[in-house]
Amino acid sequence: MMNISPSIGKILNRYGCDVTVKNGGKSVRTKAFISPLRYNSNQNYDSVRHKLGMRKTKLFLFIAPPDVLLDSEKSVIESENGKYTVKRCEKYYVKDNPIYVRAVLCAYREETRDDFESN
């Protein structure tokens, strides 16, 4: 079976945007796709419960080369279009070969009282 990982790498290099992935004190620059999740309007948002009520956060899909290391709730991704926090992440494999890493992102925000919706 032909390894398709190089083909996906070429597509990311050609059409992806420049991003910086930050994990703690380490930063890595790479190419990736970031786009809003559109598959279901009810699932485009992630509601987070806080003492002050519910806060809705728009979600994004992230696709990058398989060597990019991500950590849910800890990795931060920066691009010219915004700054994001990783909500969930996983590597996609064909047979035993990692093809790409994908993640669900939310916009990075410092929490303030104004960020909350009352229930």
PDB file of N, CA and C in Angstrom:
ATOM      1  N   MET A   1       0.836  -1.183   0.000  1.00  0.00           N
ATOM      2  CA  MET A   1       0.000   0.000   0.000  1.00  0.00           C
ATOM      3  C   MET A   1       0.881   1.248   0.000  1.00  0.00           C
ATOM      4  N   MET A   2       0.513   2.203  -0.810  1.00  0.00           N
ATOM      5  CA  MET A   2       1.267   3.443  -0.895  1.00  0.00           C
ATOM      6  C   MET A   2       0.994   4.312   0.335  1.00  0.00           C
ATOM      7  N   ASN A   3       2.047   4.937   0.867  1.00  0.00           N
ATOM      8  CA  ASN A   3       1.895   5.834   2.002  1.00  0.00           C
ATOM      9  C   ASN A   3       1.390   7.188   1.498  1.00  0.00           C
ATOM     10  N   ILE A   4       0.224   7.630   1.981  1.00  0.00           N
ATOM     11  CA  ILE A   4      -0.348   8.890   1.503  1.00  0.00           C
ATOM     12  C   ILE A   4       0.084  10.086   2.350  1.00  0.00           C
ATOM     13  N   SER A   5       0.828   9.846   3.417  1.00  0.00           N
ATOM     14  CA  SER A   5       1.260  10.934   4.284  1.00  0.00           C
ATOM     15  C   SER A   5       2.046  12.019   3.544  1.00  0.00           C
ATOM     16  N   PRO A   6       2.990  11.673   2.630  1.00  0.00           N
ATOM     17  CA  PRO A   6       3.691  12.741   1.893  1.00  0.00           C
ATOM     18  C   PRO A   6       2.744  13.594   1.046  1.00  0.00           C
ATOM     19  N   SER A   7       1.719  12.982   0.465  1.00  0.00           N
ATOM     20  CA  SER A   7       0.750  13.743  -0.333  1.00  0.00           C
ATOM     21  C   SER A   7      -0.013  14.737   0.532  1.00  0.00           C
ATOM     22  N   ILE A   8      -0.409  14.314   1.716  1.00  0.00           N
ATOM     23  CA  ILE A   8      -1.115  15.215   2.623  1.00  0.00           C
ATOM     24  C   ILE A   8      -0.175  16.324   3.082  1.00  0.00           C
ATOM     25  N   GLY A   9       1.085  15.986   3.318  1.00  0.00           N
ATOM     26  CA  GLY A   9       2.072  17.004   3.679  1.00  0.00           C
ATOM     27  C   GLY A   9       2.228  18.054   2.596  1.00  0.00           C
ATOM     28  N   LYS A  10       2.236  17.629   1.326  1.00  0.00           N
ATOM     29  CA  LYS A  10       2.344  18.578   0.209  1.00  0.00           C
ATOM     30  C   LYS A  10       1.126  19.493   0.146  1.00  0.00           C
ATOM     31  N   ILE A  11      -0.061  18.933   0.369  1.00  0.00           N
ATOM     32  CA  ILE A  11      -1.288  19.739   0.359  1.00  0.00           C
ATOM     33  C   ILE A  11      -1.258  20.768   1.493  1.00  0.00           C
ATOM     34  N   LEU A  12      -0.846  20.328   2.687  1.00  0.00           N
ATOM     35  CA  LEU A  12      -0.756  21.252   3.821  1.00  0.00           C
ATOM     36  C   LEU A  12       0.259  22.358   3.540  1.00  0.00           C
ATOM     37  N   ASN A  13       1.425  21.992   2.983  1.00  0.00           N
ATOM     38  CA  ASN A  13       2.453  22.999   2.677  1.00  0.00           C
ATOM     39  C   ASN A  13       1.981  24.002   1.639  1.00  0.00           C
ATOM     40  N   ARG A  14       1.216  23.541   0.679  1.00  0.00           N
ATOM     41  CA  ARG A  14       0.774  24.422  -0.402  1.00  0.00           C
ATOM     42  C   ARG A  14      -0.417  25.300  -0.006  1.00  0.00           C
ATOM     43  N   TYR A  15      -1.392  24.708   0.676  1.00  0.00           N
ATOM     44  CA  TYR A  15      -2.647  25.414   0.944  1.00  0.00           C
ATOM     45  C   TYR A  15      -2.879  25.776   2.412  1.00  0.00           C
ATOM     46  N   GLY A  16      -2.085  25.233   3.315  1.00  0.00           N
ATOM     47  CA  GLY A  16      -2.285  25.500   4.739  1.00  0.00           C
ATOM     48  C   GLY A  16      -1.819  26.885   5.142  1.00  0.00           C
ATOM     49  N   CYS A  17      -2.281  27.323   6.296  1.00  0.00           N
ATOM     50  CA  CYS A  17      -1.837  28.618   6.820  1.00  0.00           C
ATOM     51  C   CYS A  17      -0.699  28.382   7.816  1.00  0.00           C
ATOM     52  N   ASP A  18       0.114  29.410   8.015  1.00  0.00           N
ATOM     53  CA  ASP A  18       1.205  29.330   8.983  1.00  0.00           C
ATOM     54  C   ASP A  18       0.623  29.389  10.388  1.00  0.00           C
ATOM     55  N   VAL A  19       1.014  28.431  11.229  1.00  0.00           N
ATOM     56  CA  VAL A  19       0.555  28.412  12.615  1.00  0.00           C
ATOM     57  C   VAL A  19       1.737  28.160  13.541  1.00  0.00           C
ATOM     58  N   THR A  20       1.564  28.579  14.776  1.00  0.00           N
ATOM     59  CA  THR A  20       2.518  28.268  15.834  1.00  0.00           C
ATOM     60  C   THR A  20       1.774  27.456  16.878  1.00  0.00           C
ATOM     61  N   VAL A  21       2.315  26.281  17.206  1.00  0.00           N
ATOM     62  CA  VAL A  21       1.722  25.411  18.220  1.00  0.00           C
ATOM     63  C   VAL A  21       2.568  25.548  19.476  1.00  0.00           C
ATOM     64  N   LYS A  22       1.928  25.940  20.582  1.00  0.00           N
ATOM     65  CA  LYS A  22       2.632  26.131  21.848  1.00  0.00           C
ATOM     66  C   LYS A  22       2.184  25.078  22.845  1.00  0.00           C
ATOM     67  N   ASN A  23       3.165  24.366  23.385  1.00  0.00           N
ATOM     68  CA  ASN A  23       2.946  23.375  24.435  1.00  0.00           C
ATOM     69  C   ASN A  23       3.853  23.749  25.594  1.00  0.00           C
ATOM     70  N   GLY A  24       3.286  24.361  26.610  1.00  0.00           N
ATOM     71  CA  GLY A  24       4.116  24.825  27.716  1.00  0.00           C
ATOM     72  C   GLY A  24       5.092  25.876  27.215  1.00  0.00           C
ATOM     73  N   GLY A  25       6.384  25.653  27.408  1.00  0.00           N
ATOM     74  CA  GLY A  25       7.399  26.601  26.965  1.00  0.00           C
ATOM     75  C   GLY A  25       7.917  26.342  25.568  1.00  0.00           C
ATOM     76  N   LYS A  26       7.439  25.291  24.899  1.00  0.00           N
ATOM     77  CA  LYS A  26       7.930  24.936  23.567  1.00  0.00           C
ATOM     78  C   LYS A  26       6.983  25.446  22.488  1.00  0.00           C
ATOM     79  N   SER A  27       7.577  25.970  21.399  1.00  0.00           N
ATOM     80  CA  SER A  27       6.790  26.439  20.251  1.00  0.00           C
ATOM     81  C   SER A  27       7.291  25.777  18.981  1.00  0.00           C
ATOM     82  N   VAL A  28       6.361  25.402  18.100  1.00  0.00           N
ATOM     83  CA  VAL A  28       6.693  24.796  16.810  1.00  0.00           C
ATOM     84  C   VAL A  28       5.885  25.514  15.735  1.00  0.00           C
ATOM     85  N   ARG A  29       6.553  25.905  14.646  1.00  0.00           N
ATOM     86  CA  ARG A  29       5.854  26.505  13.499  1.00  0.00           C
ATOM     87  C   ARG A  29       5.613  25.427  12.458  1.00  0.00           C
ATOM     88  N   THR A  30       4.402  25.446  11.869  1.00  0.00           N
ATOM     89  CA  THR A  30       4.047  24.464  10.848  1.00  0.00           C
ATOM     90  C   THR A  30       2.946  25.047   9.963  1.00  0.00           C
ATOM     91  N   LYS A  31       2.500  24.259   9.012  1.00  0.00           N
ATOM     92  CA  LYS A  31       1.361  24.612   8.158  1.00  0.00           C
ATOM     93  C   LYS A  31       0.183  23.751   8.590  1.00  0.00           C
ATOM     94  N   ALA A  32      -1.016  24.326   8.555  1.00  0.00           N
ATOM     95  CA  ALA A  32      -2.205  23.585   8.986  1.00  0.00           C
ATOM     96  C   ALA A  32      -3.452  24.210   8.377  1.00  0.00           C
ATOM     97  N   PHE A  33      -4.550  23.472   8.457  1.00  0.00           N
ATOM     98  CA  PHE A  33      -5.868  23.983   8.092  1.00  0.00           C
ATOM     99  C   PHE A  33      -6.629  24.272   9.380  1.00  0.00           C
ATOM    100  N   ILE A  34      -7.272  25.427   9.434  1.00  0.00           N
ATOM    101  CA  ILE A  34      -8.182  25.770  10.530  1.00  0.00           C
ATOM    102  C   ILE A  34      -9.455  26.291   9.885  1.00  0.00           C
ATOM    103  N   SER A  35     -10.581  25.652  10.193  1.00  0.00           N
ATOM    104  CA  SER A  35     -11.851  26.117   9.631  1.00  0.00           C
ATOM    105  C   SER A  35     -12.968  25.885  10.643  1.00  0.00           C
ATOM    106  N   PRO A  36     -14.025  26.697  10.582  1.00  0.00           N
ATOM    107  CA  PRO A  36     -15.154  26.501  11.498  1.00  0.00           C
ATOM    108  C   PRO A  36     -15.817  25.145  11.256  1.00  0.00           C
ATOM    109  N   LEU A  37     -16.257  24.517  12.330  1.00  0.00           N
ATOM    110  CA  LEU A  37     -17.044  23.290  12.190  1.00  0.00           C
ATOM    111  C   LEU A  37     -18.432  23.691  11.725  1.00  0.00           C
ATOM    112  N   ARG A  38     -18.902  23.053  10.654  1.00  0.00           N
ATOM    113  CA  ARG A  38     -20.189  23.443  10.070  1.00  0.00           C
ATOM    114  C   ARG A  38     -21.170  22.287   9.961  1.00  0.00           C
ATOM    115  N   TYR A  39     -20.826  21.117  10.418  1.00  0.00           N
ATOM    116  CA  TYR A  39     -21.640  19.938  10.148  1.00  0.00           C
ATOM    117  C   TYR A  39     -23.001  19.946  10.810  1.00  0.00           C
ATOM    118  N   ASN A  40     -23.179  20.656  11.908  1.00  0.00           N
ATOM    119  CA  ASN A  40     -24.474  20.697  12.588  1.00  0.00           C
ATOM    120  C   ASN A  40     -24.506  21.953  13.444  1.00  0.00           C
ATOM    121  N   SER A  41     -25.449  22.821  13.189  1.00  0.00           N
ATOM    122  CA  SER A  41     -25.466  24.108  13.891  1.00  0.00           C
ATOM    123  C   SER A  41     -25.538  23.948  15.409  1.00  0.00           C
ATOM    124  N   ASN A  42     -26.147  22.888  15.897  1.00  0.00           N
ATOM    125  CA  ASN A  42     -26.211  22.666  17.340  1.00  0.00           C
ATOM    126  C   ASN A  42     -24.880  22.207  17.904  1.00  0.00           C
ATOM    127  N   GLN A  43     -24.013  21.684  17.064  1.00  0.00           N
ATOM    128  CA  GLN A  43     -22.731  21.188  17.541  1.00  0.00           C
ATOM    129  C   GLN A  43     -21.581  22.124  17.195  1.00  0.00           C
ATOM    130  N   ASN A  44     -21.875  23.303  16.644  1.00  0.00           N
ATOM    131  CA  ASN A  44     -20.834  24.275  16.336  1.00  0.00           C
ATOM    132  C   ASN A  44     -20.336  24.989  17.579  1.00  0.00           C
ATOM    133  N   TYR A  45     -21.042  24.817  18.678  1.00  0.00           N
ATOM    134  CA  TYR A  45     -20.680  25.519  19.890  1.00  0.00           C
ATOM    135  C   TYR A  45     -20.460  24.528  21.013  1.00  0.00           C
ATOM    136  N   ASP A  46     -19.557  24.890  21.897  1.00  0.00           N
ATOM    137  CA  ASP A  46     -19.272  24.095  23.077  1.00  0.00           C
ATOM    138  C   ASP A  46     -19.718  24.919  24.278  1.00  0.00           C
ATOM    139  N   SER A  47     -20.655  24.423  25.052  1.00  0.00           N
ATOM    140  CA  SER A  47     -21.120  25.159  26.226  1.00  0.00           C
ATOM    141  C   SER A  47     -20.320  24.716  27.432  1.00  0.00           C
ATOM    142  N   VAL A  48     -19.834  25.683  28.165  1.00  0.00           N
ATOM    143  CA  VAL A  48     -19.026  25.418  29.345  1.00  0.00           C
ATOM    144  C   VAL A  48     -19.766  25.969  30.553  1.00  0.00           C
ATOM    145  N   ARG A  49     -19.988  25.126  31.561  1.00  0.00           N
ATOM    146  CA  ARG A  49     -20.718  25.562  32.755  1.00  0.00           C
ATOM    147  C   ARG A  49     -19.727  26.178  33.750  1.00  0.00           C
ATOM    148  N   HIS A  50     -20.098  27.344  34.234  1.00  0.00           N
ATOM    149  CA  HIS A  50     -19.321  28.047  35.248  1.00  0.00           C
ATOM    150  C   HIS A  50     -20.274  28.499  36.341  1.00  0.00           C
ATOM    151  N   LYS A  51     -19.720  28.987  37.446  1.00  0.00           N
ATOM    152  CA  LYS A  51     -20.555  29.464  38.545  1.00  0.00           C
ATOM    153  C   LYS A  51     -21.503  30.577  38.101  1.00  0.00           C
ATOM    154  N   LEU A  52     -21.070  31.368  37.126  1.00  0.00           N
ATOM    155  CA  LEU A  52     -21.879  32.500  36.674  1.00  0.00           C
ATOM    156  C   LEU A  52     -22.852  32.136  35.560  1.00  0.00           C
ATOM    157  N   GLY A  53     -22.855  30.903  35.095  1.00  0.00           N
ATOM    158  CA  GLY A  53     -23.774  30.481  34.038  1.00  0.00           C
ATOM    159  C   GLY A  53     -23.055  29.726  32.937  1.00  0.00           C
ATOM    160  N   MET A  54     -23.712  29.642  31.777  1.00  0.00           N
ATOM    161  CA  MET A  54     -23.144  28.926  30.630  1.00  0.00           C
ATOM    162  C   MET A  54     -22.462  29.918  29.693  1.00  0.00           C
ATOM    163  N   ARG A  55     -21.327  29.499  29.135  1.00  0.00           N
ATOM    164  CA  ARG A  55     -20.643  30.303  28.133  1.00  0.00           C
ATOM    165  C   ARG A  55     -20.538  29.470  26.869  1.00  0.00           C
ATOM    166  N   LYS A  56     -20.945  30.022  25.740  1.00  0.00           N
ATOM    167  CA  LYS A  56     -20.857  29.305  24.469  1.00  0.00           C
ATOM    168  C   LYS A  56     -19.588  29.719  23.743  1.00  0.00           C
ATOM    169  N   THR A  57     -18.911  28.733  23.172  1.00  0.00           N
ATOM    170  CA  THR A  57     -17.669  28.963  22.461  1.00  0.00           C
ATOM    171  C   THR A  57     -17.766  28.309  21.093  1.00  0.00           C
ATOM    172  N   LYS A  58     -17.473  29.045  20.020  1.00  0.00           N
ATOM    173  CA  LYS A  58     -17.491  28.491  18.672  1.00  0.00           C
ATOM    174  C   LYS A  58     -16.327  27.511  18.517  1.00  0.00           C
ATOM    175  N   LEU A  59     -16.554  26.420  17.776  1.00  0.00           N
ATOM    176  CA  LEU A  59     -15.546  25.381  17.587  1.00  0.00           C
ATOM    177  C   LEU A  59     -14.973  25.415  16.178  1.00  0.00           C
ATOM    178  N   PHE A  60     -13.714  24.962  16.052  1.00  0.00           N
ATOM    179  CA  PHE A  60     -12.994  24.942  14.786  1.00  0.00           C
ATOM    180  C   PHE A  60     -12.321  23.587  14.596  1.00  0.00           C
ATOM    181  N   LEU A  61     -12.145  23.191  13.334  1.00  0.00           N
ATOM    182  CA  LEU A  61     -11.419  21.969  12.986  1.00  0.00           C
ATOM    183  C   LEU A  61      -9.990  22.353  12.630  1.00  0.00           C
ATOM    184  N   PHE A  62      -9.025  21.590  13.138  1.00  0.00           N
ATOM    185  CA  PHE A  62      -7.595  21.817  12.902  1.00  0.00           C
ATOM    186  C   PHE A  62      -7.009  20.547  12.312  1.00  0.00           C
ATOM    187  N   ILE A  63      -6.287  20.663  11.198  1.00  0.00           N
ATOM    188  CA  ILE A  63      -5.598  19.521  10.590  1.00  0.00           C
ATOM    189  C   ILE A  63      -4.155  19.930  10.342  1.00  0.00           C
ATOM    190  N   ALA A  64      -3.208  19.098  10.795  1.00  0.00           N
ATOM    191  CA  ALA A  64      -1.776  19.402  10.683  1.00  0.00           C
ATOM    192  C   ALA A  64      -0.997  18.113  10.411  1.00  0.00           C
ATOM    193  N   PRO A  65       0.296  18.227  10.089  1.00  0.00           N
ATOM    194  CA  PRO A  65       1.114  17.029   9.871  1.00  0.00           C
ATOM    195  C   PRO A  65       1.132  16.134  11.117  1.00  0.00           C
ATOM    196  N   PRO A  66       1.374  14.842  10.938  1.00  0.00           N
ATOM    197  CA  PRO A  66       1.289  13.906  12.060  1.00  0.00           C
ATOM    198  C   PRO A  66       2.365  14.096  13.127  1.00  0.00           C
ATOM    199  N   ASP A  67       3.429  14.825  12.814  1.00  0.00           N
ATOM    200  CA  ASP A  67       4.491  15.021  13.803  1.00  0.00           C
ATOM    201  C   ASP A  67       4.204  16.172  14.773  1.00  0.00           C
ATOM    202  N   VAL A  68       3.102  16.888  14.566  1.00  0.00           N
ATOM    203  CA  VAL A  68       2.723  17.978  15.472  1.00  0.00           C
ATOM    204  C   VAL A  68       2.136  17.364  16.745  1.00  0.00           C
ATOM    205  N   LEU A  69       2.716  17.716  17.888  1.00  0.00           N
ATOM    206  CA  LEU A  69       2.250  17.187  19.168  1.00  0.00           C
ATOM    207  C   LEU A  69       1.237  18.146  19.779  1.00  0.00           C
ATOM    208  N   LEU A  70       0.070  17.613  20.132  1.00  0.00           N
ATOM    209  CA  LEU A  70      -0.989  18.404  20.752  1.00  0.00           C
ATOM    210  C   LEU A  70      -1.398  17.775  22.068  1.00  0.00           C
ATOM    211  N   ASP A  71      -1.834  18.611  22.993  1.00  0.00           N
ATOM    212  CA  ASP A  71      -2.299  18.154  24.295  1.00  0.00           C
ATOM    213  C   ASP A  71      -3.637  18.838  24.577  1.00  0.00           C
ATOM    214  N   SER A  72      -4.682  18.047  24.745  1.00  0.00           N
ATOM    215  CA  SER A  72      -6.017  18.616  25.001  1.00  0.00           C
ATOM    216  C   SER A  72      -5.994  19.550  26.199  1.00  0.00           C
ATOM    217  N   GLU A  73      -6.643  20.693  26.042  1.00  0.00           N
ATOM    218  CA  GLU A  73      -6.801  21.724  27.067  1.00  0.00           C
ATOM    219  C   GLU A  73      -5.497  22.430  27.437  1.00  0.00           C
ATOM    220  N   LYS A  74      -4.347  22.028  26.864  1.00  0.00           N
ATOM    221  CA  LYS A  74      -3.074  22.658  27.216  1.00  0.00           C
ATOM    222  C   LYS A  74      -2.397  23.316  26.025  1.00  0.00           C
ATOM    223  N   SER A  75      -2.527  22.741  24.835  1.00  0.00           N
ATOM    224  CA  SER A  75      -1.879  23.312  23.655  1.00  0.00           C
ATOM    225  C   SER A  75      -2.623  24.562  23.197  1.00  0.00           C
ATOM    226  N   VAL A  76      -1.850  25.551  22.749  1.00  0.00           N
ATOM    227  CA  VAL A  76      -2.406  26.790  22.201  1.00  0.00           C
ATOM    228  C   VAL A  76      -1.883  26.935  20.782  1.00  0.00           C
ATOM    229  N   ILE A  77      -2.775  27.276  19.857  1.00  0.00           N
ATOM    230  CA  ILE A  77      -2.417  27.422  18.448  1.00  0.00           C
ATOM    231  C   ILE A  77      -2.668  28.866  18.046  1.00  0.00           C
ATOM    232  N   GLU A  78      -1.655  29.468  17.423  1.00  0.00           N
ATOM    233  CA  GLU A  78      -1.777  30.851  16.966  1.00  0.00           C
ATOM    234  C   GLU A  78      -1.605  30.903  15.459  1.00  0.00           C
ATOM    235  N   SER A  79      -2.471  31.675  14.799  1.00  0.00           N
ATOM    236  CA  SER A  79      -2.348  31.939  13.367  1.00  0.00           C
ATOM    237  C   SER A  79      -2.635  33.415  13.157  1.00  0.00           C
ATOM    238  N   GLU A  80      -2.497  33.889  11.929  1.00  0.00           N
ATOM    239  CA  GLU A  80      -2.791  35.305  11.686  1.00  0.00           C
ATOM    240  C   GLU A  80      -4.274  35.609  11.874  1.00  0.00           C
ATOM    241  N   ASN A  81      -5.113  34.581  11.868  1.00  0.00           N
ATOM    242  CA  ASN A  81      -6.560  34.770  12.024  1.00  0.00           C
ATOM    243  C   ASN A  81      -7.054  34.611  13.451  1.00  0.00           C
ATOM    244  N   GLY A  82      -6.194  34.189  14.374  1.00  0.00           N
ATOM    245  CA  GLY A  82      -6.655  34.044  15.742  1.00  0.00           C
ATOM    246  C   GLY A  82      -5.775  33.162  16.594  1.00  0.00           C
ATOM    247  N   LYS A  83      -6.208  33.030  17.833  1.00  0.00           N
ATOM    248  CA  LYS A  83      -5.511  32.216  18.825  1.00  0.00           C
ATOM    249  C   LYS A  83      -6.530  31.222  19.370  1.00  0.00           C
ATOM    250  N   TYR A  84      -6.135  29.959  19.489  1.00  0.00           N
ATOM    251  CA  TYR A  84      -7.071  28.887  19.816  1.00  0.00           C
ATOM    252  C   TYR A  84      -6.510  27.983  20.908  1.00  0.00           C
ATOM    253  N   THR A  85      -7.424  27.324  21.620  1.00  0.00           N
ATOM    254  CA  THR A  85      -7.085  26.295  22.597  1.00  0.00           C
ATOM    255  C   THR A  85      -7.583  24.957  22.068  1.00  0.00           C
ATOM    256  N   VAL A  86      -6.793  23.911  22.250  1.00  0.00           N
ATOM    257  CA  VAL A  86      -7.170  22.563  21.807  1.00  0.00           C
ATOM    258  C   VAL A  86      -8.153  21.968  22.809  1.00  0.00           C
ATOM    259  N   LYS A  87      -9.341  21.570  22.313  1.00  0.00           N
ATOM    260  CA  LYS A  87     -10.340  20.915  23.164  1.00  0.00           C
ATOM    261  C   LYS A  87     -10.159  19.392  23.146  1.00  0.00           C
ATOM    262  N   ARG A  88     -10.029  18.835  21.936  1.00  0.00           N
ATOM    263  CA  ARG A  88      -9.828  17.393  21.745  1.00  0.00           C
ATOM    264  C   ARG A  88      -8.867  17.212  20.579  1.00  0.00           C
ATOM    265  N   CYS A  89      -8.077  16.147  20.631  1.00  0.00           N
ATOM    266  CA  CYS A  89      -7.145  15.909  19.525  1.00  0.00           C
ATOM    267  C   CYS A  89      -6.866  14.416  19.378  1.00  0.00           C
ATOM    268  N   GLU A  90      -6.465  14.041  18.153  1.00  0.00           N
ATOM    269  CA  GLU A  90      -6.110  12.652  17.868  1.00  0.00           C
ATOM    270  C   GLU A  90      -5.325  12.595  16.568  1.00  0.00           C
ATOM    271  N   LYS A  91      -4.563  11.519  16.420  1.00  0.00           N
ATOM    272  CA  LYS A  91      -3.877  11.262  15.155  1.00  0.00           C
ATOM    273  C   LYS A  91      -4.754  10.346  14.324  1.00  0.00           C
ATOM    274  N   TYR A  92      -4.769  10.591  13.022  1.00  0.00           N
ATOM    275  CA  TYR A  92      -5.517   9.748  12.097  1.00  0.00           C
ATOM    276  C   TYR A  92      -4.523   8.812  11.427  1.00  0.00           C
ATOM    277  N   TYR A  93      -4.809   7.513  11.446  1.00  0.00           N
ATOM    278  CA  TYR A  93      -3.911   6.487  10.907  1.00  0.00           C
ATOM    279  C   TYR A  93      -4.556   5.760   9.734  1.00  0.00           C
ATOM    280  N   VAL A  94      -3.737   5.353   8.784  1.00  0.00           N
ATOM    281  CA  VAL A  94      -4.119   4.386   7.757  1.00  0.00           C
ATOM    282  C   VAL A  94      -3.182   3.212   7.981  1.00  0.00           C
ATOM    283  N   LYS A  95      -3.781   2.063   8.283  1.00  0.00           N
ATOM    284  CA  LYS A  95      -3.033   0.907   8.778  1.00  0.00           C
ATOM    285  C   LYS A  95      -2.267   1.380  10.011  1.00  0.00           C
ATOM    286  N   ASP A  96      -0.948   1.270  10.036  1.00  0.00           N
ATOM    287  CA  ASP A  96      -0.181   1.725  11.202  1.00  0.00           C
ATOM    288  C   ASP A  96       0.568   3.025  10.940  1.00  0.00           C
ATOM    289  N   ASN A  97       0.246   3.702   9.843  1.00  0.00           N
ATOM    290  CA  ASN A  97       0.955   4.930   9.475  1.00  0.00           C
ATOM    291  C   ASN A  97       0.161   6.169   9.883  1.00  0.00           C
ATOM    292  N   PRO A  98       0.763   7.053  10.694  1.00  0.00           N
ATOM    293  CA  PRO A  98       0.067   8.301  11.023  1.00  0.00           C
ATOM    294  C   PRO A  98      -0.001   9.190   9.781  1.00  0.00           C
ATOM    295  N   ILE A  99      -1.192   9.685   9.463  1.00  0.00           N
ATOM    296  CA  ILE A  99      -1.406  10.471   8.250  1.00  0.00           C
ATOM    297  C   ILE A  99      -1.472  11.963   8.580  1.00  0.00           C
ATOM    298  N   TYR A 100      -2.217  12.312   9.617  1.00  0.00           N
ATOM    299  CA  TYR A 100      -2.293  13.702  10.064  1.00  0.00           C
ATOM    300  C   TYR A 100      -2.826  13.728  11.488  1.00  0.00           C
ATOM    301  N   VAL A 101      -2.691  14.867  12.124  1.00  0.00           N
ATOM    302  CA  VAL A 101      -3.284  15.075  13.438  1.00  0.00           C
ATOM    303  C   VAL A 101      -4.470  16.011  13.239  1.00  0.00           C
ATOM    304  N   ARG A 102      -5.569  15.716  13.930  1.00  0.00           N
ATOM    305  CA  ARG A 102      -6.737  16.586  13.839  1.00  0.00           C
ATOM    306  C   ARG A 102      -7.176  16.940  15.255  1.00  0.00           C
ATOM    307  N   ALA A 103      -7.789  18.112  15.350  1.00  0.00           N
ATOM    308  CA  ALA A 103      -8.213  18.582  16.666  1.00  0.00           C
ATOM    309  C   ALA A 103      -9.447  19.457  16.528  1.00  0.00           C
ATOM    310  N   VAL A 104     -10.169  19.552  17.613  1.00  0.00           N
ATOM    311  CA  VAL A 104     -11.261  20.509  17.731  1.00  0.00           C
ATOM    312  C   VAL A 104     -10.719  21.640  18.598  1.00  0.00           C
ATOM    313  N   LEU A 105     -10.844  22.858  18.078  1.00  0.00           N
ATOM    314  CA  LEU A 105     -10.323  24.038  18.763  1.00  0.00           C
ATOM    315  C   LEU A 105     -11.460  24.951  19.192  1.00  0.00           C
ATOM    316  N   CYS A 106     -11.196  25.759  20.195  1.00  0.00           N
ATOM    317  CA  CYS A 106     -12.086  26.870  20.528  1.00  0.00           C
ATOM    318  C   CYS A 106     -11.228  28.124  20.605  1.00  0.00           C
ATOM    319  N   ALA A 107     -11.860  29.263  20.415  1.00  0.00           N
ATOM    320  CA  ALA A 107     -11.128  30.524  20.474  1.00  0.00           C
ATOM    321  C   ALA A 107     -10.518  30.689  21.860  1.00  0.00           C
ATOM    322  N   TYR A 108      -9.281  31.117  21.897  1.00  0.00           N
ATOM    323  CA  TYR A 108      -8.577  31.347  23.157  1.00  0.00           C
ATOM    324  C   TYR A 108      -9.061  32.662  23.748  1.00  0.00           C
ATOM    325  N   ARG A 109      -9.520  32.614  24.983  1.00  0.00           N
ATOM    326  CA  ARG A 109      -9.952  33.834  25.661  1.00  0.00           C
ATOM    327  C   ARG A 109      -9.607  33.755  27.129  1.00  0.00           C
ATOM    328  N   GLU A 110      -9.218  34.889  27.661  1.00  0.00           N
ATOM    329  CA  GLU A 110      -9.077  34.992  29.105  1.00  0.00           C
ATOM    330  C   GLU A 110     -10.490  35.093  29.666  1.00  0.00           C
ATOM    331  N   GLU A 111     -10.781  34.353  30.716  1.00  0.00           N
ATOM    332  CA  GLU A 111     -12.127  34.386  31.278  1.00  0.00           C
ATOM    333  C   GLU A 111     -12.344  35.665  32.083  1.00  0.00           C
ATOM    334  N   THR A 112     -13.445  36.323  31.792  1.00  0.00           N
ATOM    335  CA  THR A 112     -13.858  37.498  32.554  1.00  0.00           C
ATOM    336  C   THR A 112     -15.344  37.361  32.850  1.00  0.00           C
ATOM    337  N   ARG A 113     -15.852  38.194  33.704  1.00  0.00           N
ATOM    338  CA  ARG A 113     -17.279  38.140  34.052  1.00  0.00           C
ATOM    339  C   ARG A 113     -18.153  38.367  32.830  1.00  0.00           C
ATOM    340  N   ASP A 114     -17.698  39.162  31.861  1.00  0.00           N
ATOM    341  CA  ASP A 114     -18.499  39.468  30.679  1.00  0.00           C
ATOM    342  C   ASP A 114     -18.601  38.301  29.705  1.00  0.00           C
ATOM    343  N   ASP A 115     -17.788  37.254  29.868  1.00  0.00           N
ATOM    344  CA  ASP A 115     -17.802  36.111  28.964  1.00  0.00           C
ATOM    345  C   ASP A 115     -18.964  35.158  29.224  1.00  0.00           C
ATOM    346  N   PHE A 116     -19.707  35.345  30.282  1.00  0.00           N
ATOM    347  CA  PHE A 116     -20.696  34.365  30.690  1.00  0.00           C
ATOM    348  C   PHE A 116     -22.101  34.777  30.291  1.00  0.00           C
ATOM    349  N   GLU A 117     -22.897  33.772  29.937  1.00  0.00           N
ATOM    350  CA  GLU A 117     -24.319  33.977  29.675  1.00  0.00           C
ATOM    351  C   GLU A 117     -25.075  33.455  30.880  1.00  0.00           C
ATOM    352  N   SER A 118     -26.061  34.177  31.333  1.00  0.00           N
ATOM    353  CA  SER A 118     -26.845  33.668  32.458  1.00  0.00           C
ATOM    354  C   SER A 118     -27.800  32.605  31.960  1.00  0.00           C
ATOM    355  N   ASN A 119     -28.096  31.668  32.799  1.00  0.00           N
ATOM    356  CA  ASN A 119     -28.974  30.562  32.445  1.00  0.00           C
ATOM    357  C   ASN A 119     -30.377  30.819  32.881  1.00  0.00           C
TER     358      ASN A 119
END
